[in-house]
Amino acid sequence: MATRNYETLYIVRPELKDGEIQKIADKFKKVVEDKGGKVASAEKWEKRKLAYEIAGLKEGNYVMMHFESEGDVPAELNRLMRISDDVVRHMITSKEA
């Protein structure tokens, strides 16, 4: 199976501290690496106001991760982000080469 480049942007709860956000980012990075993928970058952006209210929240901490992996890794990331209480929204996209 061929590897592809992916980008995932996720929003975590606004009340989380930098250390807690880093633990979440490290957890998702480890999922990619444990399944044989390579993480190019995983960086926290500043807290931003949301375009619309989500579950009573008006702002959130954004995290962007770029990685290369086979097709099953984004599906697993999607599953884990959906069940995480700390992730408010997420989006995983394939970047065409």
N, C-alpha and C. Protein backbone atom coordinates (compact mmCIF):
# COMPACT_ATOMS: atom_id res chain seq x y z
N MET A 1 0.85 -1.19 0.00
CA MET A 1 0.00 0.00 0.00
C MET A 1 0.89 1.25 0.00
N ALA A 2 0.52 2.23 -0.79
CA ALA A 2 1.33 3.45 -0.90
C ALA A 2 1.02 4.43 0.22
N THR A 3 2.04 5.20 0.58
CA THR A 3 1.82 6.22 1.60
C THR A 3 1.36 7.51 0.94
N ARG A 4 0.62 8.31 1.69
CA ARG A 4 0.14 9.60 1.23
C ARG A 4 0.45 10.63 2.30
N ASN A 5 0.43 11.89 1.87
CA ASN A 5 0.60 12.99 2.82
C ASN A 5 -0.76 13.46 3.29
N TYR A 6 -0.86 13.68 4.59
CA TYR A 6 -2.11 14.12 5.20
C TYR A 6 -1.86 15.34 6.08
N GLU A 7 -2.94 16.02 6.32
CA GLU A 7 -2.91 17.18 7.21
C GLU A 7 -4.15 17.06 8.09
N THR A 8 -3.96 17.23 9.37
CA THR A 8 -5.12 17.23 10.26
C THR A 8 -5.10 18.48 11.12
N LEU A 9 -6.25 19.10 11.20
CA LEU A 9 -6.43 20.28 12.03
C LEU A 9 -7.49 19.90 13.05
N TYR A 10 -7.16 20.07 14.33
CA TYR A 10 -8.16 19.78 15.34
C TYR A 10 -8.19 20.88 16.38
N ILE A 11 -9.36 21.03 16.98
CA ILE A 11 -9.59 22.06 17.99
C ILE A 11 -9.83 21.37 19.32
N VAL A 12 -9.05 21.76 20.32
CA VAL A 12 -9.24 21.20 21.66
C VAL A 12 -9.85 22.26 22.58
N ARG A 13 -10.36 21.80 23.68
CA ARG A 13 -11.10 22.67 24.61
C ARG A 13 -10.26 23.88 25.02
N PRO A 14 -10.89 25.06 25.16
CA PRO A 14 -10.15 26.29 25.44
C PRO A 14 -9.55 26.37 26.84
N GLU A 15 -10.08 25.62 27.79
CA GLU A 15 -9.58 25.73 29.17
C GLU A 15 -8.32 24.91 29.42
N LEU A 16 -7.90 24.12 28.45
CA LEU A 16 -6.71 23.29 28.63
C LEU A 16 -5.43 24.12 28.61
N LYS A 17 -4.49 23.76 29.47
CA LYS A 17 -3.19 24.43 29.55
C LYS A 17 -2.27 23.89 28.45
N ASP A 18 -1.19 24.59 28.19
CA ASP A 18 -0.25 24.20 27.14
C ASP A 18 0.27 22.77 27.33
N GLY A 19 0.58 22.40 28.55
CA GLY A 19 1.08 21.05 28.83
C GLY A 19 0.05 19.98 28.50
N GLU A 20 -1.21 20.25 28.79
CA GLU A 20 -2.28 19.29 28.49
C GLU A 20 -2.49 19.17 26.98
N ILE A 21 -2.41 20.30 26.29
CA ILE A 21 -2.56 20.30 24.84
C ILE A 21 -1.41 19.51 24.21
N GLN A 22 -0.20 19.69 24.74
CA GLN A 22 0.96 18.97 24.22
C GLN A 22 0.80 17.47 24.41
N LYS A 23 0.23 17.04 25.54
CA LYS A 23 0.00 15.61 25.78
C LYS A 23 -0.97 15.03 24.75
N ILE A 24 -2.01 15.80 24.42
CA ILE A 24 -2.98 15.36 23.41
C ILE A 24 -2.30 15.26 22.05
N ALA A 25 -1.52 16.29 21.69
CA ALA A 25 -0.80 16.29 20.41
C ALA A 25 0.16 15.11 20.34
N ASP A 26 0.87 14.84 21.44
CA ASP A 26 1.81 13.72 21.48
C ASP A 26 1.09 12.38 21.32
N LYS A 27 -0.10 12.28 21.91
CA LYS A 27 -0.88 11.04 21.81
C LYS A 27 -1.25 10.75 20.36
N PHE A 28 -1.73 11.77 19.64
CA PHE A 28 -2.11 11.57 18.24
C PHE A 28 -0.89 11.34 17.35
N LYS A 29 0.22 11.99 17.69
CA LYS A 29 1.47 11.79 16.95
C LYS A 29 1.94 10.34 17.12
N LYS A 30 1.82 9.81 18.33
CA LYS A 30 2.23 8.44 18.62
C LYS A 30 1.37 7.43 17.84
N VAL A 31 0.09 7.72 17.69
CA VAL A 31 -0.79 6.83 16.92
C VAL A 31 -0.26 6.69 15.49
N VAL A 32 0.09 7.81 14.88
CA VAL A 32 0.62 7.79 13.51
C VAL A 32 1.92 7.00 13.46
N GLU A 33 2.84 7.28 14.39
CA GLU A 33 4.15 6.63 14.38
C GLU A 33 4.05 5.14 14.70
N ASP A 34 3.16 4.76 15.60
CA ASP A 34 3.01 3.35 15.96
C ASP A 34 2.49 2.52 14.78
N LYS A 35 1.77 3.17 13.87
CA LYS A 35 1.24 2.47 12.69
C LYS A 35 2.14 2.62 11.48
N GLY A 36 3.39 3.07 11.70
CA GLY A 36 4.37 3.13 10.63
C GLY A 36 4.41 4.43 9.86
N GLY A 37 3.66 5.44 10.29
CA GLY A 37 3.67 6.73 9.61
C GLY A 37 4.78 7.63 10.12
N LYS A 38 4.97 8.75 9.42
CA LYS A 38 5.98 9.73 9.81
C LYS A 38 5.31 11.08 9.99
N VAL A 39 5.50 11.69 11.17
CA VAL A 39 4.94 13.00 11.44
C VAL A 39 5.97 14.06 11.06
N ALA A 40 5.61 14.92 10.12
CA ALA A 40 6.52 15.99 9.68
C ALA A 40 6.49 17.14 10.68
N SER A 41 5.30 17.49 11.17
CA SER A 41 5.18 18.56 12.15
C SER A 41 3.86 18.42 12.91
N ALA A 42 3.87 18.90 14.14
CA ALA A 42 2.66 18.96 14.96
C ALA A 42 2.81 20.20 15.82
N GLU A 43 2.08 21.23 15.48
CA GLU A 43 2.27 22.49 16.19
C GLU A 43 0.95 23.07 16.69
N LYS A 44 1.03 23.64 17.86
CA LYS A 44 -0.13 24.30 18.47
C LYS A 44 -0.19 25.73 17.97
N TRP A 45 -1.35 26.11 17.52
CA TRP A 45 -1.58 27.51 17.18
C TRP A 45 -2.13 28.19 18.42
N GLU A 46 -2.28 29.49 18.38
CA GLU A 46 -2.83 30.19 19.55
C GLU A 46 -4.33 29.91 19.69
N LYS A 47 -4.86 30.24 20.84
CA LYS A 47 -6.29 30.10 21.08
C LYS A 47 -7.01 31.08 20.16
N ARG A 48 -8.07 30.62 19.52
CA ARG A 48 -8.80 31.46 18.58
C ARG A 48 -10.30 31.41 18.85
N LYS A 49 -10.95 32.46 18.45
CA LYS A 49 -12.40 32.51 18.55
C LYS A 49 -12.99 31.63 17.44
N LEU A 50 -13.98 30.82 17.79
CA LEU A 50 -14.61 29.95 16.81
C LEU A 50 -15.56 30.76 15.93
N ALA A 51 -15.75 30.32 14.70
CA ALA A 51 -16.67 31.00 13.78
C ALA A 51 -18.10 30.93 14.29
N TYR A 52 -18.42 29.85 14.98
CA TYR A 52 -19.74 29.70 15.59
C TYR A 52 -19.58 28.86 16.85
N GLU A 53 -20.54 28.98 17.73
CA GLU A 53 -20.48 28.28 19.01
C GLU A 53 -20.64 26.77 18.80
N ILE A 54 -19.77 26.00 19.45
CA ILE A 54 -19.81 24.54 19.38
C ILE A 54 -19.93 24.01 20.81
N ALA A 55 -21.01 23.33 21.09
CA ALA A 55 -21.24 22.74 22.42
C ALA A 55 -21.03 23.76 23.53
N GLY A 56 -21.50 24.99 23.31
CA GLY A 56 -21.40 26.04 24.32
C GLY A 56 -20.05 26.73 24.37
N LEU A 57 -19.11 26.35 23.51
CA LEU A 57 -17.77 26.95 23.50
C LEU A 57 -17.68 28.02 22.43
N LYS A 58 -17.03 29.12 22.76
CA LYS A 58 -16.86 30.22 21.80
C LYS A 58 -15.45 30.34 21.27
N GLU A 59 -14.49 29.62 21.90
CA GLU A 59 -13.11 29.63 21.42
C GLU A 59 -12.49 28.27 21.66
N GLY A 60 -11.34 28.05 21.03
CA GLY A 60 -10.66 26.77 21.17
C GLY A 60 -9.19 26.89 20.81
N ASN A 61 -8.42 25.90 21.21
CA ASN A 61 -7.00 25.82 20.89
C ASN A 61 -6.84 24.95 19.64
N TYR A 62 -6.22 25.51 18.62
CA TYR A 62 -6.04 24.80 17.35
C TYR A 62 -4.68 24.10 17.32
N VAL A 63 -4.68 22.88 16.76
CA VAL A 63 -3.44 22.13 16.58
C VAL A 63 -3.42 21.60 15.15
N MET A 64 -2.30 21.82 14.46
CA MET A 64 -2.13 21.36 13.08
C MET A 64 -1.04 20.30 13.05
N MET A 65 -1.33 19.17 12.39
CA MET A 65 -0.34 18.10 12.26
C MET A 65 -0.25 17.67 10.80
N HIS A 66 0.97 17.59 10.28
CA HIS A 66 1.25 17.09 8.93
C HIS A 66 1.93 15.74 9.09
N PHE A 67 1.45 14.75 8.33
CA PHE A 67 2.06 13.42 8.43
C PHE A 67 1.94 12.66 7.13
N GLU A 68 2.74 11.61 7.03
CA GLU A 68 2.74 10.71 5.88
C GLU A 68 2.45 9.31 6.40
N SER A 69 1.49 8.63 5.77
CA SER A 69 1.14 7.29 6.24
C SER A 69 0.33 6.55 5.18
N GLU A 70 0.02 5.32 5.51
CA GLU A 70 -0.88 4.53 4.67
C GLU A 70 -2.31 4.91 5.01
N GLY A 71 -3.25 4.45 4.22
CA GLY A 71 -4.65 4.87 4.32
C GLY A 71 -5.39 4.50 5.59
N ASP A 72 -4.92 3.49 6.33
CA ASP A 72 -5.64 3.08 7.53
C ASP A 72 -5.39 4.01 8.72
N VAL A 73 -4.30 4.77 8.68
CA VAL A 73 -3.95 5.65 9.81
C VAL A 73 -4.95 6.80 9.97
N PRO A 74 -5.33 7.52 8.91
CA PRO A 74 -6.32 8.59 9.08
C PRO A 74 -7.65 8.07 9.64
N ALA A 75 -8.04 6.87 9.25
CA ALA A 75 -9.29 6.29 9.76
C ALA A 75 -9.21 6.07 11.28
N GLU A 76 -8.06 5.58 11.73
CA GLU A 76 -7.87 5.35 13.17
C GLU A 76 -7.80 6.68 13.92
N LEU A 77 -7.11 7.68 13.36
CA LEU A 77 -7.06 9.01 13.98
C LEU A 77 -8.46 9.60 14.09
N ASN A 78 -9.22 9.47 13.03
CA ASN A 78 -10.60 9.97 13.00
C ASN A 78 -11.42 9.33 14.12
N ARG A 79 -11.28 8.03 14.28
CA ARG A 79 -12.02 7.31 15.32
C ARG A 79 -11.64 7.80 16.71
N LEU A 80 -10.34 7.96 16.95
CA LEU A 80 -9.87 8.39 18.26
C LEU A 80 -10.25 9.84 18.57
N MET A 81 -10.20 10.69 17.56
CA MET A 81 -10.58 12.10 17.78
C MET A 81 -12.07 12.24 18.04
N ARG A 82 -12.87 11.40 17.38
CA ARG A 82 -14.33 11.46 17.59
C ARG A 82 -14.72 11.08 19.01
N ILE A 83 -13.99 10.14 19.62
CA ILE A 83 -14.36 9.70 20.96
C ILE A 83 -13.64 10.46 22.08
N SER A 84 -12.72 11.35 21.71
CA SER A 84 -11.99 12.13 22.71
C SER A 84 -12.85 13.27 23.24
N ASP A 85 -12.94 13.39 24.56
CA ASP A 85 -13.70 14.48 25.18
C ASP A 85 -13.01 15.82 25.01
N ASP A 86 -11.70 15.82 24.78
CA ASP A 86 -10.95 17.07 24.68
C ASP A 86 -10.99 17.68 23.28
N VAL A 87 -11.26 16.87 22.25
CA VAL A 87 -11.30 17.37 20.88
C VAL A 87 -12.71 17.85 20.56
N VAL A 88 -12.83 19.13 20.24
CA VAL A 88 -14.12 19.74 19.94
C VAL A 88 -14.52 19.46 18.48
N ARG A 89 -13.58 19.67 17.55
CA ARG A 89 -13.78 19.42 16.12
C ARG A 89 -12.45 18.97 15.53
N HIS A 90 -12.52 18.22 14.44
CA HIS A 90 -11.31 17.83 13.75
C HIS A 90 -11.59 17.62 12.26
N MET A 91 -10.53 17.72 11.47
CA MET A 91 -10.64 17.52 10.03
C MET A 91 -9.32 16.93 9.54
N ILE A 92 -9.41 15.82 8.81
CA ILE A 92 -8.22 15.18 8.25
C ILE A 92 -8.36 15.22 6.73
N THR A 93 -7.36 15.78 6.07
CA THR A 93 -7.41 15.88 4.61
C THR A 93 -6.15 15.27 4.00
N SER A 94 -6.31 14.74 2.80
CA SER A 94 -5.19 14.20 2.05
C SER A 94 -4.63 15.33 1.20
N LYS A 95 -3.31 15.49 1.23
CA LYS A 95 -2.66 16.52 0.42
C LYS A 95 -2.14 15.87 -0.85
N GLU A 96 -2.59 16.32 -1.97
CA GLU A 96 -2.14 15.77 -3.25
C GLU A 96 -0.71 16.22 -3.52
N ALA A 97 0.10 15.31 -4.01
CA ALA A 97 1.52 15.61 -4.27
C ALA A 97 1.71 16.46 -5.50
